[in-house]
């Protein structure tokens, strides 16, 4: 999966979790401030990402996710590490 495909899918998953249109979500979108995620939303979003991409996100990393870009970068690093 290309970087653009990964980015689009993460944006789509975040929008779906927040119940908003994906066109209103960008990499700079903040989970709490912009999408009004609570801690359960963050966990559910990360589980969706894990299911979609076949990765495991450590709990301590989930707690650090602030923006969609954070999730994209974490996912890229997890995929990169898995392919080595």
C-alpha atoms as a PDB file:
ATOM      1  CA  UNK A   1       0.000   0.000   0.000  1.00  0.00           C
ATOM      2  CA  UNK A   2       1.402   3.384  -0.988  1.00  0.00           C
ATOM      3  CA  UNK A   3       1.833   6.281   1.421  1.00  0.00           C
ATOM      4  CA  UNK A   4      -1.096   8.105  -0.227  1.00  0.00           C
ATOM      5  CA  UNK A   5      -3.340   5.048   0.097  1.00  0.00           C
ATOM      6  CA  UNK A   6      -2.337   4.642   3.736  1.00  0.00           C
ATOM      7  CA  UNK A   7      -2.974   8.322   4.436  1.00  0.00           C
ATOM      8  CA  UNK A   8      -6.388   8.225   2.732  1.00  0.00           C
ATOM      9  CA  UNK A   9      -7.440   5.119   4.641  1.00  0.00           C
ATOM     10  CA  UNK A  10      -6.361   6.538   8.030  1.00  0.00           C
ATOM     11  CA  UNK A  11      -8.303   9.733   7.273  1.00  0.00           C
ATOM     12  CA  UNK A  12     -11.318   7.642   6.264  1.00  0.00           C
ATOM     13  CA  UNK A  13     -11.143   5.603   9.491  1.00  0.00           C
ATOM     14  CA  UNK A  14     -10.834   8.746  11.646  1.00  0.00           C
ATOM     15  CA  UNK A  15     -13.783  10.370   9.876  1.00  0.00           C
ATOM     16  CA  UNK A  16     -15.859   7.211  10.265  1.00  0.00           C
ATOM     17  CA  UNK A  17     -15.089   7.039  13.989  1.00  0.00           C
ATOM     18  CA  UNK A  18     -16.024  10.718  14.415  1.00  0.00           C
ATOM     19  CA  UNK A  19     -19.126  10.473  12.241  1.00  0.00           C
ATOM     20  CA  UNK A  20     -17.971  13.246   9.897  1.00  0.00           C
ATOM     21  CA  UNK A  21     -17.287  13.474   6.176  1.00  0.00           C
ATOM     22  CA  UNK A  22     -13.760  12.389   5.248  1.00  0.00           C
ATOM     23  CA  UNK A  23     -13.296  15.601   3.259  1.00  0.00           C
ATOM     24  CA  UNK A  24     -13.327  17.520   6.545  1.00  0.00           C
ATOM     25  CA  UNK A  25     -10.390  15.520   7.951  1.00  0.00           C
ATOM     26  CA  UNK A  26      -6.747  16.335   7.126  1.00  0.00           C
ATOM     27  CA  UNK A  27      -3.458  15.085   8.535  1.00  0.00           C
ATOM     28  CA  UNK A  28      -3.438  18.148  10.821  1.00  0.00           C
ATOM     29  CA  UNK A  29      -6.843  17.267  12.292  1.00  0.00           C
ATOM     30  CA  UNK A  30      -6.620  16.860  16.080  1.00  0.00           C
ATOM     31  CA  UNK A  31      -8.523  13.892  17.487  1.00  0.00           C
ATOM     32  CA  UNK A  32      -9.794  15.623  20.639  1.00  0.00           C
ATOM     33  CA  UNK A  33     -10.006  19.281  19.610  1.00  0.00           C
ATOM     34  CA  UNK A  34     -11.350  18.802  16.073  1.00  0.00           C
ATOM     35  CA  UNK A  35     -13.049  15.404  16.047  1.00  0.00           C
ATOM     36  CA  UNK A  36     -14.097  15.463  19.722  1.00  0.00           C
ATOM     37  CA  UNK A  37     -12.725  11.978  20.392  1.00  0.00           C
ATOM     38  CA  UNK A  38     -12.826  10.737  23.965  1.00  0.00           C
ATOM     39  CA  UNK A  39     -10.476   8.033  25.197  1.00  0.00           C
ATOM     40  CA  UNK A  40     -12.816   5.269  23.996  1.00  0.00           C
ATOM     41  CA  UNK A  41     -12.954   6.795  20.500  1.00  0.00           C
ATOM     42  CA  UNK A  42      -9.149   6.822  20.350  1.00  0.00           C
ATOM     43  CA  UNK A  43      -9.013   3.150  21.354  1.00  0.00           C
ATOM     44  CA  UNK A  44     -11.726   2.186  18.857  1.00  0.00           C
ATOM     45  CA  UNK A  45      -9.979   4.175  16.105  1.00  0.00           C
ATOM     46  CA  UNK A  46      -6.657   2.468  16.844  1.00  0.00           C
ATOM     47  CA  UNK A  47      -8.362  -0.938  16.790  1.00  0.00           C
ATOM     48  CA  UNK A  48      -9.811  -0.083  13.363  1.00  0.00           C
ATOM     49  CA  UNK A  49      -6.332   0.859  12.161  1.00  0.00           C
ATOM     50  CA  UNK A  50      -4.900  -2.379  13.553  1.00  0.00           C
ATOM     51  CA  UNK A  51      -7.600  -4.438  11.803  1.00  0.00           C
ATOM     52  CA  UNK A  52      -7.284  -2.577   8.507  1.00  0.00           C
ATOM     53  CA  UNK A  53      -3.488  -2.685   8.302  1.00  0.00           C
ATOM     54  CA  UNK A  54      -2.702  -5.897  10.192  1.00  0.00           C
ATOM     55  CA  UNK A  55      -0.468  -4.219  12.760  1.00  0.00           C
ATOM     56  CA  UNK A  56      -0.411  -4.080  16.539  1.00  0.00           C
ATOM     57  CA  UNK A  57      -0.214  -0.636  18.127  1.00  0.00           C
ATOM     58  CA  UNK A  58       1.304  -0.651  21.627  1.00  0.00           C
ATOM     59  CA  UNK A  59      -0.912   0.962  24.282  1.00  0.00           C
ATOM     60  CA  UNK A  60       1.745   3.534  25.168  1.00  0.00           C
ATOM     61  CA  UNK A  61       1.792   4.641  21.515  1.00  0.00           C
ATOM     62  CA  UNK A  62      -2.001   4.945  21.368  1.00  0.00           C
ATOM     63  CA  UNK A  63      -1.889   7.364  24.309  1.00  0.00           C
ATOM     64  CA  UNK A  64       0.514   9.620  22.360  1.00  0.00           C
ATOM     65  CA  UNK A  65      -1.705   9.997  19.293  1.00  0.00           C
ATOM     66  CA  UNK A  66      -2.879  13.602  19.013  1.00  0.00           C
ATOM     67  CA  UNK A  67      -3.465  14.167  15.299  1.00  0.00           C
ATOM     68  CA  UNK A  68      -4.261  12.152  12.210  1.00  0.00           C
ATOM     69  CA  UNK A  69      -0.659  12.781  11.085  1.00  0.00           C
ATOM     70  CA  UNK A  70       0.589  11.150  14.316  1.00  0.00           C
ATOM     71  CA  UNK A  71      -1.415   8.039  13.442  1.00  0.00           C
ATOM     72  CA  UNK A  72      -0.143   8.035   9.853  1.00  0.00           C
ATOM     73  CA  UNK A  73       3.492   8.350  10.963  1.00  0.00           C
ATOM     74  CA  UNK A  74       3.100   5.650  13.615  1.00  0.00           C
ATOM     75  CA  UNK A  75       1.500   3.329  11.094  1.00  0.00           C
ATOM     76  CA  UNK A  76       4.263   3.978   8.557  1.00  0.00           C
ATOM     77  CA  UNK A  77       6.924   3.186  11.172  1.00  0.00           C
ATOM     78  CA  UNK A  78       5.122   0.002  12.280  1.00  0.00           C
ATOM     79  CA  UNK A  79       4.759  -1.159   8.670  1.00  0.00           C
ATOM     80  CA  UNK A  80       8.392  -0.317   7.951  1.00  0.00           C
ATOM     81  CA  UNK A  81       9.580  -2.269  10.992  1.00  0.00           C
ATOM     82  CA  UNK A  82       7.399  -5.241  10.053  1.00  0.00           C
ATOM     83  CA  UNK A  83       8.816  -5.409   6.546  1.00  0.00           C
ATOM     84  CA  UNK A  84      12.444  -5.639   7.735  1.00  0.00           C
END
